[in-house]
Amino acid sequence: MKNLIVITALGEDRPGIIRNLSSAISETGSNIEDCRLSILGKEVALMMMVSGRWNELAKLESSLPNCAKRMGMDIQIRRTAAQEQGGQLLPYSVEVIALDAPGIVAQLTEFFASRDINIREMNTSNYTTSGTGTIMFSLQLTIDVPAGIHISTLRDEFMSFCDQLNLDSIMEPAK
């Protein structure tokens, strides 16, 4: 059984952040299992899942506060376990493009939550169209659809839902 921790780090973006964190991790003998990084404004947000023996992770947990202070970052650490898959899940990709408006994310996530469909990954962004200067909204999701849900019905309901909100959308099996 693997021992796992999740590290989240937030701070001002600058070169060397990943190098500093990955060095601190490797110095303890721990291993980066999964990592996500995103630049949001002038800030960098980083999430890592790290594995190791319990003593390696304990050493890492005790060294990270000093590392955070040196880097001027806020770091949180949480013990976790590998995700258990409850039943057969079908991964689907969802893409939405629309004029930017408040509440789009809340409405889309409510659609899936009300059907007990878990969102595994989500990315959103805004961009300005060339020519008109219109601000557009873009969303990409990876969802886990329980095998008992009829995909054709779900897709029809989702497309109808998006049509009502004037959202361009695609739902297809994840690659």
C-alpha atoms as a PDB file:
ATOM      1  CA  MET A   1       0.000   0.000   0.000  1.00  0.00           C
ATOM      2  CA  LYS A   2       1.402   3.387  -1.021  1.00  0.00           C
ATOM      3  CA  ASN A   3       1.623   6.248   1.435  1.00  0.00           C
ATOM      4  CA  LEU A   4       0.442   9.435  -0.274  1.00  0.00           C
ATOM      5  CA  ILE A   5       0.255  13.141   0.458  1.00  0.00           C
ATOM      6  CA  VAL A   6      -1.186  15.988  -1.550  1.00  0.00           C
ATOM      7  CA  ILE A   7       0.735  19.247  -1.572  1.00  0.00           C
ATOM      8  CA  THR A   8      -0.879  22.492  -2.674  1.00  0.00           C
ATOM      9  CA  ALA A   9       1.249  25.589  -3.164  1.00  0.00           C
ATOM     10  CA  LEU A  10       0.220  29.136  -4.020  1.00  0.00           C
ATOM     11  CA  GLY A  11       2.454  32.133  -4.527  1.00  0.00           C
ATOM     12  CA  GLU A  12       3.743  34.733  -6.909  1.00  0.00           C
ATOM     13  CA  ASP A  13       4.902  33.191 -10.190  1.00  0.00           C
ATOM     14  CA  ARG A  14       8.619  33.167 -10.907  1.00  0.00           C
ATOM     15  CA  PRO A  15      11.197  30.771 -12.364  1.00  0.00           C
ATOM     16  CA  GLY A  16      12.432  27.951 -10.132  1.00  0.00           C
ATOM     17  CA  ILE A  17       9.294  27.140  -8.128  1.00  0.00           C
ATOM     18  CA  ILE A  18       8.912  23.614  -9.474  1.00  0.00           C
ATOM     19  CA  ARG A  19      12.668  23.030  -9.221  1.00  0.00           C
ATOM     20  CA  ASN A  20      12.655  24.046  -5.540  1.00  0.00           C
ATOM     21  CA  LEU A  21       9.650  21.883  -4.641  1.00  0.00           C
ATOM     22  CA  SER A  22      10.769  18.869  -6.669  1.00  0.00           C
ATOM     23  CA  SER A  23      14.236  19.089  -5.104  1.00  0.00           C
ATOM     24  CA  ALA A  24      12.730  19.146  -1.598  1.00  0.00           C
ATOM     25  CA  ILE A  25      10.665  16.088  -2.520  1.00  0.00           C
ATOM     26  CA  SER A  26      13.525  14.094  -4.062  1.00  0.00           C
ATOM     27  CA  GLU A  27      15.861  14.899  -1.139  1.00  0.00           C
ATOM     28  CA  THR A  28      13.543  12.896   1.145  1.00  0.00           C
ATOM     29  CA  GLY A  29      13.396   9.920  -1.239  1.00  0.00           C
ATOM     30  CA  SER A  30       9.736  10.656  -2.030  1.00  0.00           C
ATOM     31  CA  ASN A  31       8.309  10.546  -5.552  1.00  0.00           C
ATOM     32  CA  ILE A  32       5.970  12.884  -7.465  1.00  0.00           C
ATOM     33  CA  GLU A  33       3.064  10.722  -8.678  1.00  0.00           C
ATOM     34  CA  ASP A  34       0.910  13.452 -10.223  1.00  0.00           C
ATOM     35  CA  CYS A  35       1.276  17.207 -10.683  1.00  0.00           C
ATOM     36  CA  ARG A  36      -0.848  20.123 -11.924  1.00  0.00           C
ATOM     37  CA  LEU A  37       0.334  23.705 -12.346  1.00  0.00           C
ATOM     38  CA  SER A  38      -1.544  26.762 -13.474  1.00  0.00           C
ATOM     39  CA  ILE A  39      -0.708  30.437 -13.747  1.00  0.00           C
ATOM     40  CA  LEU A  40      -3.638  32.562 -12.553  1.00  0.00           C
ATOM     41  CA  GLY A  41      -2.946  36.268 -12.937  1.00  0.00           C
ATOM     42  CA  LYS A  42       0.454  36.854 -11.321  1.00  0.00           C
ATOM     43  CA  GLU A  43       0.066  33.795  -9.064  1.00  0.00           C
ATOM     44  CA  VAL A  44       1.075  30.204  -9.615  1.00  0.00           C
ATOM     45  CA  ALA A  45      -1.087  27.400  -8.212  1.00  0.00           C
ATOM     46  CA  LEU A  46       0.482  23.982  -7.930  1.00  0.00           C
ATOM     47  CA  MET A  47      -0.925  20.635  -6.777  1.00  0.00           C
ATOM     48  CA  MET A  48       1.157  17.501  -6.390  1.00  0.00           C
ATOM     49  CA  MET A  49       0.488  14.002  -5.185  1.00  0.00           C
ATOM     50  CA  VAL A  50       3.634  12.552  -3.647  1.00  0.00           C
ATOM     51  CA  SER A  51       4.322   8.953  -2.615  1.00  0.00           C
ATOM     52  CA  GLY A  52       6.898   7.487  -0.296  1.00  0.00           C
ATOM     53  CA  ARG A  53       7.519   5.424   2.787  1.00  0.00           C
ATOM     54  CA  TRP A  54       5.882   6.886   5.885  1.00  0.00           C
ATOM     55  CA  ASN A  55       9.218   8.188   7.246  1.00  0.00           C
ATOM     56  CA  GLU A  56      10.102   9.852   3.913  1.00  0.00           C
ATOM     57  CA  LEU A  57       6.752  11.637   3.839  1.00  0.00           C
ATOM     58  CA  ALA A  58       7.097  12.666   7.486  1.00  0.00           C
ATOM     59  CA  LYS A  59      10.504  14.175   6.691  1.00  0.00           C
ATOM     60  CA  LEU A  60       8.992  15.988   3.705  1.00  0.00           C
ATOM     61  CA  GLU A  61       6.089  17.291   5.790  1.00  0.00           C
ATOM     62  CA  SER A  62       8.507  18.733   8.347  1.00  0.00           C
ATOM     63  CA  SER A  63      10.784  20.328   5.705  1.00  0.00           C
ATOM     64  CA  LEU A  64       8.086  21.981   3.585  1.00  0.00           C
ATOM     65  CA  PRO A  65       7.238  24.876   5.967  1.00  0.00           C
ATOM     66  CA  ASN A  66      10.848  26.159   5.714  1.00  0.00           C
ATOM     67  CA  CYS A  67      10.808  25.612   1.958  1.00  0.00           C
ATOM     68  CA  ALA A  68       7.553  27.581   1.717  1.00  0.00           C
ATOM     69  CA  LYS A  69       8.996  30.435   3.748  1.00  0.00           C
ATOM     70  CA  ARG A  70      12.126  30.624   1.541  1.00  0.00           C
ATOM     71  CA  MET A  71       9.959  30.677  -1.601  1.00  0.00           C
ATOM     72  CA  GLY A  72       7.349  33.092  -0.212  1.00  0.00           C
ATOM     73  CA  MET A  73       4.570  30.598  -0.877  1.00  0.00           C
ATOM     74  CA  ASP A  74       1.597  29.238   1.016  1.00  0.00           C
ATOM     75  CA  ILE A  75       1.856  25.447   1.166  1.00  0.00           C
ATOM     76  CA  GLN A  76      -0.662  22.983   2.552  1.00  0.00           C
ATOM     77  CA  ILE A  77      -0.103  19.270   3.019  1.00  0.00           C
ATOM     78  CA  ARG A  78      -2.732  16.558   3.407  1.00  0.00           C
ATOM     79  CA  ARG A  79      -2.388  12.790   3.785  1.00  0.00           C
ATOM     80  CA  THR A  80      -4.514  10.874   1.314  1.00  0.00           C
ATOM     81  CA  ALA A  81      -5.063   7.411  -0.144  1.00  0.00           C
ATOM     82  CA  ALA A  82      -5.385   6.117  -3.684  1.00  0.00           C
ATOM     83  CA  GLN A  83      -8.807   6.772  -5.160  1.00  0.00           C
ATOM     84  CA  GLU A  84     -11.101   3.774  -5.135  1.00  0.00           C
ATOM     85  CA  GLN A  85     -13.258   3.264  -8.186  1.00  0.00           C
ATOM     86  CA  GLY A  86     -16.816   2.524  -7.099  1.00  0.00           C
ATOM     87  CA  GLY A  87     -18.291   0.584  -9.974  1.00  0.00           C
ATOM     88  CA  GLN A  88     -17.615   0.945 -13.658  1.00  0.00           C
ATOM     89  CA  LEU A  89     -17.149   4.541 -14.805  1.00  0.00           C
ATOM     90  CA  LEU A  90     -16.953   5.798 -18.368  1.00  0.00           C
ATOM     91  CA  PRO A  91     -14.697   8.843 -18.864  1.00  0.00           C
ATOM     92  CA  TYR A  92     -16.208  11.552 -21.065  1.00  0.00           C
ATOM     93  CA  SER A  93     -14.827  14.851 -22.311  1.00  0.00           C
ATOM     94  CA  VAL A  94     -17.032  17.944 -22.259  1.00  0.00           C
ATOM     95  CA  GLU A  95     -16.202  21.213 -23.996  1.00  0.00           C
ATOM     96  CA  VAL A  96     -18.257  24.403 -23.787  1.00  0.00           C
ATOM     97  CA  ILE A  97     -17.761  27.776 -25.482  1.00  0.00           C
ATOM     98  CA  ALA A  98     -20.054  30.748 -24.881  1.00  0.00           C
ATOM     99  CA  LEU A  99     -20.222  34.472 -24.391  1.00  0.00           C
ATOM    100  CA  ASP A 100     -18.798  35.063 -20.945  1.00  0.00           C
ATOM    101  CA  ALA A 101     -21.475  35.516 -18.280  1.00  0.00           C
ATOM    102  CA  PRO A 102     -21.663  35.011 -14.516  1.00  0.00           C
ATOM    103  CA  GLY A 103     -22.988  31.640 -13.365  1.00  0.00           C
ATOM    104  CA  ILE A 104     -22.023  29.415 -16.294  1.00  0.00           C
ATOM    105  CA  VAL A 105     -19.749  27.181 -14.181  1.00  0.00           C
ATOM    106  CA  ALA A 106     -22.385  26.907 -11.427  1.00  0.00           C
ATOM    107  CA  GLN A 107     -25.083  25.894 -13.910  1.00  0.00           C
ATOM    108  CA  LEU A 108     -22.919  23.353 -15.730  1.00  0.00           C
ATOM    109  CA  THR A 109     -21.629  21.726 -12.561  1.00  0.00           C
ATOM    110  CA  GLU A 110     -25.180  21.552 -11.162  1.00  0.00           C
ATOM    111  CA  PHE A 111     -26.265  19.695 -14.310  1.00  0.00           C
ATOM    112  CA  PHE A 112     -23.717  16.926 -13.650  1.00  0.00           C
ATOM    113  CA  ALA A 113     -23.991  16.906  -9.844  1.00  0.00           C
ATOM    114  CA  SER A 114     -27.768  16.461 -10.042  1.00  0.00           C
ATOM    115  CA  ARG A 115     -27.138  13.254 -12.003  1.00  0.00           C
ATOM    116  CA  ASP A 116     -24.436  11.971  -9.585  1.00  0.00           C
ATOM    117  CA  ILE A 117     -21.743  12.424 -12.239  1.00  0.00           C
ATOM    118  CA  ASN A 118     -18.344  13.273 -10.802  1.00  0.00           C
ATOM    119  CA  ILE A 119     -16.119  15.901 -12.402  1.00  0.00           C
ATOM    120  CA  ARG A 120     -12.568  14.558 -12.440  1.00  0.00           C
ATOM    121  CA  GLU A 121     -10.888  17.522 -14.085  1.00  0.00           C
ATOM    122  CA  MET A 122     -11.955  21.065 -14.999  1.00  0.00           C
ATOM    123  CA  ASN A 123     -10.253  23.929 -16.834  1.00  0.00           C
ATOM    124  CA  THR A 124     -11.850  27.259 -17.665  1.00  0.00           C
ATOM    125  CA  SER A 125     -10.571  30.416 -19.316  1.00  0.00           C
ATOM    126  CA  ASN A 126     -11.704  33.643 -20.911  1.00  0.00           C
ATOM    127  CA  TYR A 127     -10.415  35.065 -24.152  1.00  0.00           C
ATOM    128  CA  THR A 128     -11.172  38.035 -26.385  1.00  0.00           C
ATOM    129  CA  THR A 129     -12.158  37.398 -29.993  1.00  0.00           C
ATOM    130  CA  SER A 130     -10.176  39.148 -32.675  1.00  0.00           C
ATOM    131  CA  GLY A 131     -12.138  41.682 -34.657  1.00  0.00           C
ATOM    132  CA  THR A 132     -15.113  42.202 -32.348  1.00  0.00           C
ATOM    133  CA  GLY A 133     -13.317  42.139 -29.001  1.00  0.00           C
ATOM    134  CA  THR A 134     -16.080  39.975 -27.507  1.00  0.00           C
ATOM    135  CA  ILE A 135     -15.138  38.196 -24.273  1.00  0.00           C
ATOM    136  CA  MET A 136     -15.706  34.468 -24.596  1.00  0.00           C
ATOM    137  CA  PHE A 137     -15.780  31.694 -21.996  1.00  0.00           C
ATOM    138  CA  SER A 138     -14.201  28.277 -22.551  1.00  0.00           C
ATOM    139  CA  LEU A 139     -14.592  25.196 -20.327  1.00  0.00           C
ATOM    140  CA  GLN A 140     -13.148  21.689 -20.582  1.00  0.00           C
ATOM    141  CA  LEU A 141     -14.268  18.915 -18.240  1.00  0.00           C
ATOM    142  CA  THR A 142     -13.462  15.271 -17.816  1.00  0.00           C
ATOM    143  CA  ILE A 143     -16.413  13.538 -16.180  1.00  0.00           C
ATOM    144  CA  ASP A 144     -16.899   9.997 -14.866  1.00  0.00           C
ATOM    145  CA  VAL A 145     -20.240   8.697 -16.107  1.00  0.00           C
ATOM    146  CA  PRO A 146     -21.557   5.683 -14.158  1.00  0.00           C
ATOM    147  CA  ALA A 147     -22.059   2.717 -16.502  1.00  0.00           C
ATOM    148  CA  GLY A 148     -25.755   2.557 -15.529  1.00  0.00           C
ATOM    149  CA  ILE A 149     -26.493   5.953 -17.116  1.00  0.00           C
ATOM    150  CA  HIS A 150     -27.765   5.775 -20.689  1.00  0.00           C
ATOM    151  CA  ILE A 151     -25.188   7.869 -22.604  1.00  0.00           C
ATOM    152  CA  SER A 152     -27.501   8.775 -25.459  1.00  0.00           C
ATOM    153  CA  THR A 153     -30.111  10.150 -23.032  1.00  0.00           C
ATOM    154  CA  LEU A 154     -27.453  12.027 -21.047  1.00  0.00           C
ATOM    155  CA  ARG A 155     -26.014  13.566 -24.206  1.00  0.00           C
ATOM    156  CA  ASP A 156     -29.482  14.628 -25.424  1.00  0.00           C
ATOM    157  CA  GLU A 157     -30.305  16.191 -22.027  1.00  0.00           C
ATOM    158  CA  PHE A 158     -26.947  17.975 -21.951  1.00  0.00           C
ATOM    159  CA  MET A 159     -27.282  19.356 -25.470  1.00  0.00           C
ATOM    160  CA  SER A 160     -30.813  20.568 -24.722  1.00  0.00           C
ATOM    161  CA  PHE A 161     -29.591  22.161 -21.477  1.00  0.00           C
ATOM    162  CA  CYS A 162     -26.777  23.932 -23.354  1.00  0.00           C
ATOM    163  CA  ASP A 163     -29.151  25.099 -26.097  1.00  0.00           C
ATOM    164  CA  GLN A 164     -31.386  26.723 -23.455  1.00  0.00           C
ATOM    165  CA  LEU A 165     -28.343  28.620 -22.099  1.00  0.00           C
ATOM    166  CA  ASN A 166     -26.980  29.456 -25.579  1.00  0.00           C
ATOM    167  CA  LEU A 167     -23.790  27.430 -25.008  1.00  0.00           C
ATOM    168  CA  ASP A 168     -21.899  25.650 -27.786  1.00  0.00           C
ATOM    169  CA  SER A 169     -20.952  22.234 -26.456  1.00  0.00           C
ATOM    170  CA  ILE A 170     -19.480  18.839 -27.222  1.00  0.00           C
ATOM    171  CA  MET A 171     -19.671  15.639 -25.158  1.00  0.00           C
ATOM    172  CA  GLU A 172     -17.652  12.656 -26.346  1.00  0.00           C
ATOM    173  CA  PRO A 173     -15.728   9.705 -24.923  1.00  0.00           C
ATOM    174  CA  ALA A 174     -12.428  10.829 -23.391  1.00  0.00           C
ATOM    175  CA  LYS A 175      -9.343   9.907 -25.370  1.00  0.00           C
END
